Amino acid sequence: MINANLTLKGSFFKKKYSDDAEVPAIVQLNDGSSFELHFLIYRRVILVENIEGNQYKLTQERRMAIIDAVLMEYTTILKSIIHCSISYEIQLYKMVDNTSSVVNLDDKSIKNVILQEYLEDERSNVSLDIVLRSLKSIYDKLKLNYNDINKADVIEGSIDYKLNFIQKKCLNYYLRYILDHSFNIFKFEVNIDANTNKFIITIEKN
C-alpha cells in the first residue's frame, strides 16, 4: 500500500487573512514519487503539481494516499489544532490534478470534496487512522440504507472499532460533515454512546 508523508513549506496560521492565501507543501510517497501541493484557501482547492524535473502521474492510488495523509494531518481535531488548520475545513476542499496539463480551477466537473472522494474509495477501509476507518464503516451503512434515511427519525448502528474519548469526538465531528454534504441532512443531533459503542443520529423534521 502506498503511504504519503507531508511537509508544509508555509503555515496555515493567519493565512486566511493574507494576500496570497496559499500554503505550499511537499508530499513524498513510499513508491518513490513526490509532488508539490498548494492549499489554495480562497478557492478551497488542493492543487497537485509535479516538482520541477519530475514527471510522475497522479494515479488513483497515489491520489488516495495523499488524501489519506491530508485528512490525518490537517483535519483530525488534535493535529488540525497543532497546524492551525482547524478553521479551514480542509476536508471540504477539492483536489485538482495539475501534473499533466494546466487545469481550470473553476471546472464544474470537479465535484467531490476530498472527504467524500475518500469515503467512496476502498482506501478508506485500510486507513492508518482508526477514526477514518470507523467513519468509512458508518458511511457505507448509511449509503446502504439511504432510502430510509429521509424517512427515519433516528438512525443508529454499531461502531466497528473501540475508540477513545478524543477519537469519538473526531468521529462525531466528521459525521456532521457527511450527513450535511453527502446525505443532505441538515438538522440533526449526533451522539456516540460510550457504553454500547453505538452512533445515534436524531433527525429533526421540518
C-alpha atoms as a PDB file:
ATOM      1  CA  MET A   1       0.000   0.000   0.000  1.00  0.00           C
ATOM      2  CA  ILE A   2       1.282   3.452  -0.897  1.00  0.00           C
ATOM      3  CA  ASN A   3       1.612   5.867   2.003  1.00  0.00           C
ATOM      4  CA  ALA A   4       2.393   9.571   1.887  1.00  0.00           C
ATOM      5  CA  ASN A   5       4.408  11.921   4.072  1.00  0.00           C
ATOM      6  CA  LEU A   6       3.584  15.645   4.021  1.00  0.00           C
ATOM      7  CA  THR A   7       5.922  18.545   4.750  1.00  0.00           C
ATOM      8  CA  LEU A   8       4.494  22.069   4.880  1.00  0.00           C
ATOM      9  CA  LYS A   9       6.563  24.808   3.253  1.00  0.00           C
ATOM     10  CA  GLY A  10       4.483  27.507   4.931  1.00  0.00           C
ATOM     11  CA  SER A  11       1.994  27.889   7.737  1.00  0.00           C
ATOM     12  CA  PHE A  12      -1.793  27.967   7.994  1.00  0.00           C
ATOM     13  CA  PHE A  13      -1.509  30.497  10.822  1.00  0.00           C
ATOM     14  CA  LYS A  14      -3.266  33.719   9.727  1.00  0.00           C
ATOM     15  CA  LYS A  15      -3.158  32.628   6.069  1.00  0.00           C
ATOM     16  CA  LYS A  16      -6.894  33.237   5.739  1.00  0.00           C
ATOM     17  CA  TYR A  17      -6.213  36.940   6.131  1.00  0.00           C
ATOM     18  CA  SER A  18      -3.119  37.195   3.915  1.00  0.00           C
ATOM     19  CA  ASP A  19      -2.985  38.432   0.325  1.00  0.00           C
ATOM     20  CA  ASP A  20      -1.837  35.162  -1.273  1.00  0.00           C
ATOM     21  CA  ALA A  21      -3.838  32.788   0.994  1.00  0.00           C
ATOM     22  CA  GLU A  22      -1.800  29.808  -0.186  1.00  0.00           C
ATOM     23  CA  VAL A  23       0.079  27.201   1.816  1.00  0.00           C
ATOM     24  CA  PRO A  24       2.596  25.106  -0.162  1.00  0.00           C
ATOM     25  CA  ALA A  25       3.714  21.610   0.798  1.00  0.00           C
ATOM     26  CA  ILE A  26       5.788  18.715  -0.482  1.00  0.00           C
ATOM     27  CA  VAL A  27       4.390  15.192  -0.390  1.00  0.00           C
ATOM     28  CA  GLN A  28       6.676  12.159  -0.667  1.00  0.00           C
ATOM     29  CA  LEU A  29       5.231   8.716  -1.289  1.00  0.00           C
ATOM     30  CA  ASN A  30       6.864   5.416  -0.410  1.00  0.00           C
ATOM     31  CA  ASP A  31       6.760   4.286  -4.057  1.00  0.00           C
ATOM     32  CA  GLY A  32       9.471   6.888  -4.799  1.00  0.00           C
ATOM     33  CA  SER A  33       7.228   9.581  -6.285  1.00  0.00           C
ATOM     34  CA  SER A  34       6.818  13.099  -4.925  1.00  0.00           C
ATOM     35  CA  PHE A  35       4.620  16.111  -5.674  1.00  0.00           C
ATOM     36  CA  GLU A  36       4.068  19.733  -4.768  1.00  0.00           C
ATOM     37  CA  LEU A  37       0.793  20.594  -3.063  1.00  0.00           C
ATOM     38  CA  HIS A  38      -0.744  24.052  -2.881  1.00  0.00           C
ATOM     39  CA  PHE A  39      -3.567  24.623  -0.399  1.00  0.00           C
ATOM     40  CA  LEU A  40      -5.479  27.467  -2.075  1.00  0.00           C
ATOM     41  CA  ILE A  41      -7.504  28.898   0.795  1.00  0.00           C
ATOM     42  CA  TYR A  42      -9.930  31.162  -1.067  1.00  0.00           C
ATOM     43  CA  ARG A  43     -10.681  28.575  -3.751  1.00  0.00           C
ATOM     44  CA  ARG A  44     -10.858  25.684  -1.258  1.00  0.00           C
ATOM     45  CA  VAL A  45      -8.665  23.638  -3.556  1.00  0.00           C
ATOM     46  CA  ILE A  46      -5.602  21.431  -3.088  1.00  0.00           C
ATOM     47  CA  LEU A  47      -3.608  21.768  -6.307  1.00  0.00           C
ATOM     48  CA  VAL A  48      -1.236  18.881  -7.067  1.00  0.00           C
ATOM     49  CA  GLU A  49       1.739  19.588  -9.335  1.00  0.00           C
ATOM     50  CA  ASN A  50       4.951  17.863 -10.301  1.00  0.00           C
ATOM     51  CA  ILE A  51       8.132  19.089  -8.667  1.00  0.00           C
ATOM     52  CA  GLU A  52      10.351  20.666 -11.317  1.00  0.00           C
ATOM     53  CA  GLY A  53      12.217  17.941 -13.159  1.00  0.00           C
ATOM     54  CA  ASN A  54       9.747  15.191 -12.230  1.00  0.00           C
ATOM     55  CA  GLN A  55       7.131  13.642 -14.490  1.00  0.00           C
ATOM     56  CA  TYR A  56       5.075  11.476 -12.142  1.00  0.00           C
ATOM     57  CA  LYS A  57       1.451  10.649 -12.853  1.00  0.00           C
ATOM     58  CA  LEU A  58      -1.108  11.175 -10.131  1.00  0.00           C
ATOM     59  CA  THR A  59      -2.579   7.686 -10.250  1.00  0.00           C
ATOM     60  CA  GLN A  60      -5.707   6.887  -8.266  1.00  0.00           C
ATOM     61  CA  GLU A  61      -3.666   5.006  -5.655  1.00  0.00           C
ATOM     62  CA  ARG A  62      -1.275   7.929  -5.211  1.00  0.00           C
ATOM     63  CA  ARG A  63      -4.167  10.363  -5.077  1.00  0.00           C
ATOM     64  CA  MET A  64      -5.891   8.406  -2.299  1.00  0.00           C
ATOM     65  CA  ALA A  65      -2.643   8.079  -0.346  1.00  0.00           C
ATOM     66  CA  ILE A  66      -2.238  11.865  -0.460  1.00  0.00           C
ATOM     67  CA  ILE A  67      -5.848  12.500   0.570  1.00  0.00           C
ATOM     68  CA  ASP A  68      -5.444   9.990   3.414  1.00  0.00           C
ATOM     69  CA  ALA A  69      -2.373  11.863   4.671  1.00  0.00           C
ATOM     70  CA  VAL A  70      -4.047  15.276   4.303  1.00  0.00           C
ATOM     71  CA  LEU A  71      -7.089  14.159   6.289  1.00  0.00           C
ATOM     72  CA  MET A  72      -4.996  12.610   9.063  1.00  0.00           C
ATOM     73  CA  GLU A  73      -2.612  15.562   9.342  1.00  0.00           C
ATOM     74  CA  TYR A  74      -4.797  18.626   8.836  1.00  0.00           C
ATOM     75  CA  THR A  75      -8.403  17.702   9.704  1.00  0.00           C
ATOM     76  CA  THR A  76      -8.319  15.460  12.782  1.00  0.00           C
ATOM     77  CA  ILE A  77      -9.023  17.531  15.886  1.00  0.00           C
ATOM     78  CA  LEU A  78      -5.664  17.411  17.665  1.00  0.00           C
ATOM     79  CA  LYS A  79      -3.427  17.726  14.593  1.00  0.00           C
ATOM     80  CA  SER A  80      -5.555  20.437  12.985  1.00  0.00           C
ATOM     81  CA  ILE A  81      -5.159  22.481  16.168  1.00  0.00           C
ATOM     82  CA  ILE A  82      -1.388  21.947  16.072  1.00  0.00           C
ATOM     83  CA  HIS A  83      -1.210  23.039  12.404  1.00  0.00           C
ATOM     84  CA  CYS A  84      -3.724  25.908  12.878  1.00  0.00           C
ATOM     85  CA  SER A  85      -5.836  24.381  10.114  1.00  0.00           C
ATOM     86  CA  ILE A  86      -8.975  23.574  12.104  1.00  0.00           C
ATOM     87  CA  SER A  87     -10.878  26.650  10.892  1.00  0.00           C
ATOM     88  CA  TYR A  88     -10.177  25.929   7.207  1.00  0.00           C
ATOM     89  CA  GLU A  89     -12.352  22.785   6.937  1.00  0.00           C
ATOM     90  CA  ILE A  90      -9.812  21.194   4.601  1.00  0.00           C
ATOM     91  CA  GLN A  91     -11.943  18.039   4.419  1.00  0.00           C
ATOM     92  CA  LEU A  92     -14.249  20.120   2.214  1.00  0.00           C
ATOM     93  CA  TYR A  93     -11.527  21.141  -0.241  1.00  0.00           C
ATOM     94  CA  LYS A  94     -11.345  19.608  -3.711  1.00  0.00           C
ATOM     95  CA  MET A  95      -8.149  18.034  -5.055  1.00  0.00           C
ATOM     96  CA  VAL A  96      -7.147  19.186  -8.536  1.00  0.00           C
ATOM     97  CA  ASP A  97      -4.560  17.337 -10.635  1.00  0.00           C
ATOM     98  CA  ASN A  98      -2.247  19.762 -12.430  1.00  0.00           C
ATOM     99  CA  THR A  99       0.543  17.269 -13.165  1.00  0.00           C
ATOM    100  CA  SER A 100      -0.053  16.579 -16.849  1.00  0.00           C
ATOM    101  CA  SER A 101      -1.851  19.660 -18.170  1.00  0.00           C
ATOM    102  CA  VAL A 102      -2.926  23.068 -16.950  1.00  0.00           C
ATOM    103  CA  VAL A 103      -6.376  22.835 -15.400  1.00  0.00           C
ATOM    104  CA  ASN A 104      -9.176  25.289 -14.946  1.00  0.00           C
ATOM    105  CA  LEU A 105      -9.734  25.659 -11.211  1.00  0.00           C
ATOM    106  CA  ASP A 106     -13.328  26.680 -11.889  1.00  0.00           C
ATOM    107  CA  ASP A 107     -14.063  23.463 -13.804  1.00  0.00           C
ATOM    108  CA  LYS A 108     -17.523  22.333 -12.682  1.00  0.00           C
ATOM    109  CA  SER A 109     -16.651  18.678 -13.362  1.00  0.00           C
ATOM    110  CA  ILE A 110     -14.568  18.647 -10.188  1.00  0.00           C
ATOM    111  CA  LYS A 111     -17.445  17.760  -7.875  1.00  0.00           C
ATOM    112  CA  ASN A 112     -16.425  15.791  -4.823  1.00  0.00           C
ATOM    113  CA  VAL A 113     -14.697  17.243  -1.795  1.00  0.00           C
ATOM    114  CA  ILE A 114     -11.796  15.138  -0.550  1.00  0.00           C
ATOM    115  CA  LEU A 115     -13.703  13.608   2.377  1.00  0.00           C
ATOM    116  CA  GLN A 116     -16.470  12.392   0.057  1.00  0.00           C
ATOM    117  CA  GLU A 117     -13.984  11.201  -2.557  1.00  0.00           C
ATOM    118  CA  TYR A 118     -12.027   9.337   0.099  1.00  0.00           C
ATOM    119  CA  LEU A 119     -15.049   7.582   1.585  1.00  0.00           C
ATOM    120  CA  GLU A 120     -16.084   6.421  -1.889  1.00  0.00           C
ATOM    121  CA  ASP A 121     -12.708   4.706  -2.334  1.00  0.00           C
ATOM    122  CA  GLU A 122     -11.618   1.388  -0.809  1.00  0.00           C
ATOM    123  CA  ARG A 123      -8.509   3.106   0.568  1.00  0.00           C
ATOM    124  CA  SER A 124     -10.569   4.385   3.486  1.00  0.00           C
ATOM    125  CA  ASN A 125     -11.110   0.773   4.628  1.00  0.00           C
ATOM    126  CA  VAL A 126      -7.404   0.420   5.398  1.00  0.00           C
ATOM    127  CA  SER A 127      -6.523   3.890   6.648  1.00  0.00           C
ATOM    128  CA  LEU A 128      -3.904   4.028   9.387  1.00  0.00           C
ATOM    129  CA  ASP A 129      -6.349   6.249  11.265  1.00  0.00           C
ATOM    130  CA  ILE A 130      -8.952   4.274  13.205  1.00  0.00           C
ATOM    131  CA  VAL A 131     -11.380   7.221  13.133  1.00  0.00           C
ATOM    132  CA  LEU A 132     -11.373   7.327   9.339  1.00  0.00           C
ATOM    133  CA  ARG A 133     -11.906   3.557   9.178  1.00  0.00           C
ATOM    134  CA  SER A 134     -14.821   3.918  11.592  1.00  0.00           C
ATOM    135  CA  LEU A 135     -16.242   6.754   9.515  1.00  0.00           C
ATOM    136  CA  LYS A 136     -15.992   4.647   6.338  1.00  0.00           C
ATOM    137  CA  SER A 137     -17.914   1.832   8.022  1.00  0.00           C
ATOM    138  CA  ILE A 138     -20.707   4.183   9.119  1.00  0.00           C
ATOM    139  CA  TYR A 139     -20.763   5.903   5.722  1.00  0.00           C
ATOM    140  CA  ASP A 140     -21.280   2.540   3.986  1.00  0.00           C
ATOM    141  CA  LYS A 141     -24.086   1.646   6.410  1.00  0.00           C
ATOM    142  CA  LEU A 142     -25.805   4.964   5.755  1.00  0.00           C
ATOM    143  CA  LYS A 143     -25.452   4.544   1.975  1.00  0.00           C
ATOM    144  CA  LEU A 144     -26.881   1.044   2.154  1.00  0.00           C
ATOM    145  CA  ASN A 145     -29.967   2.411   3.844  1.00  0.00           C
ATOM    146  CA  TYR A 146     -30.100   5.770   2.048  1.00  0.00           C
ATOM    147  CA  ASN A 147     -33.724   5.425   1.006  1.00  0.00           C
ATOM    148  CA  ASP A 148     -34.712   5.002   4.625  1.00  0.00           C
ATOM    149  CA  ILE A 149     -32.643   7.899   5.955  1.00  0.00           C
ATOM    150  CA  ASN A 150     -35.009  10.622   4.794  1.00  0.00           C
ATOM    151  CA  LYS A 151     -37.939   8.781   6.376  1.00  0.00           C
ATOM    152  CA  ALA A 152     -36.237   7.985   9.672  1.00  0.00           C
ATOM    153  CA  ASP A 153     -36.392   9.946  12.891  1.00  0.00           C
ATOM    154  CA  VAL A 154     -33.500   8.072  14.482  1.00  0.00           C
ATOM    155  CA  ILE A 155     -30.632   6.203  12.832  1.00  0.00           C
ATOM    156  CA  GLU A 156     -28.330   4.100  14.939  1.00  0.00           C
ATOM    157  CA  GLY A 157     -25.735   1.419  14.479  1.00  0.00           C
ATOM    158  CA  SER A 158     -22.596  -0.125  15.882  1.00  0.00           C
ATOM    159  CA  ILE A 159     -19.133   1.411  15.559  1.00  0.00           C
ATOM    160  CA  ASP A 160     -16.778  -1.299  14.334  1.00  0.00           C
ATOM    161  CA  TYR A 161     -13.786  -0.142  16.371  1.00  0.00           C
ATOM    162  CA  LYS A 162     -13.171   0.746  20.002  1.00  0.00           C
ATOM    163  CA  LEU A 163     -12.416   4.470  20.187  1.00  0.00           C
ATOM    164  CA  ASN A 164     -11.051   6.612  22.987  1.00  0.00           C
ATOM    165  CA  PHE A 165     -12.632   9.891  24.074  1.00  0.00           C
ATOM    166  CA  ILE A 166     -10.779  12.110  21.575  1.00  0.00           C
ATOM    167  CA  GLN A 167     -11.358   9.674  18.723  1.00  0.00           C
ATOM    168  CA  LYS A 168     -15.097   9.679  19.454  1.00  0.00           C
ATOM    169  CA  LYS A 169     -15.060  13.474  19.317  1.00  0.00           C
ATOM    170  CA  CYS A 170     -13.318  13.279  15.931  1.00  0.00           C
ATOM    171  CA  LEU A 171     -15.843  10.760  14.635  1.00  0.00           C
ATOM    172  CA  ASN A 172     -18.720  12.955  15.783  1.00  0.00           C
ATOM    173  CA  TYR A 173     -17.073  15.924  14.040  1.00  0.00           C
ATOM    174  CA  TYR A 174     -16.707  14.069  10.711  1.00  0.00           C
ATOM    175  CA  LEU A 175     -20.198  12.595  10.900  1.00  0.00           C
ATOM    176  CA  ARG A 176     -21.671  16.081  10.908  1.00  0.00           C
ATOM    177  CA  TYR A 177     -19.954  16.807   7.598  1.00  0.00           C
ATOM    178  CA  ILE A 178     -21.009  13.640   5.812  1.00  0.00           C
ATOM    179  CA  LEU A 179     -24.635  13.971   6.957  1.00  0.00           C
ATOM    180  CA  ASP A 180     -24.728  17.503   5.601  1.00  0.00           C
ATOM    181  CA  HIS A 181     -22.623  17.193   2.452  1.00  0.00           C
ATOM    182  CA  SER A 182     -23.175  13.556   1.448  1.00  0.00           C
ATOM    183  CA  PHE A 183     -26.764  12.872   2.533  1.00  0.00           C
ATOM    184  CA  ASN A 184     -28.326  16.352   2.566  1.00  0.00           C
ATOM    185  CA  ILE A 185     -29.473  16.042   6.167  1.00  0.00           C
ATOM    186  CA  PHE A 186     -29.159  19.490   7.668  1.00  0.00           C
ATOM    187  CA  LYS A 187     -30.930  19.356  11.033  1.00  0.00           C
ATOM    188  CA  PHE A 188     -29.783  16.558  13.300  1.00  0.00           C
ATOM    189  CA  GLU A 189     -28.102  15.624  16.526  1.00  0.00           C
ATOM    190  CA  VAL A 190     -25.273  13.089  16.710  1.00  0.00           C
ATOM    191  CA  ASN A 191     -24.437  11.121  19.848  1.00  0.00           C
ATOM    192  CA  ILE A 192     -21.933   8.356  20.410  1.00  0.00           C
ATOM    193  CA  ASP A 193     -22.882   6.082  23.286  1.00  0.00           C
ATOM    194  CA  ALA A 194     -19.735   5.164  25.212  1.00  0.00           C
ATOM    195  CA  ASN A 195     -21.413   2.195  26.906  1.00  0.00           C
ATOM    196  CA  THR A 196     -22.791   0.452  23.832  1.00  0.00           C
ATOM    197  CA  ASN A 197     -20.256   1.768  21.285  1.00  0.00           C
ATOM    198  CA  LYS A 198     -23.097   2.886  19.018  1.00  0.00           C
ATOM    199  CA  PHE A 199     -23.733   6.023  16.995  1.00  0.00           C
ATOM    200  CA  ILE A 200     -27.164   7.588  17.316  1.00  0.00           C
ATOM    201  CA  ILE A 201     -28.375  10.201  14.817  1.00  0.00           C
ATOM    202  CA  THR A 202     -31.608  12.009  15.657  1.00  0.00           C
ATOM    203  CA  ILE A 203     -33.057  13.810  12.632  1.00  0.00           C
ATOM    204  CA  GLU A 204     -35.135  16.922  13.150  1.00  0.00           C
ATOM    205  CA  LYS A 205     -38.089  17.051  10.790  1.00  0.00           C
ATOM    206  CA  ASN A 206     -39.212  20.346   9.270  1.00  0.00           C
END
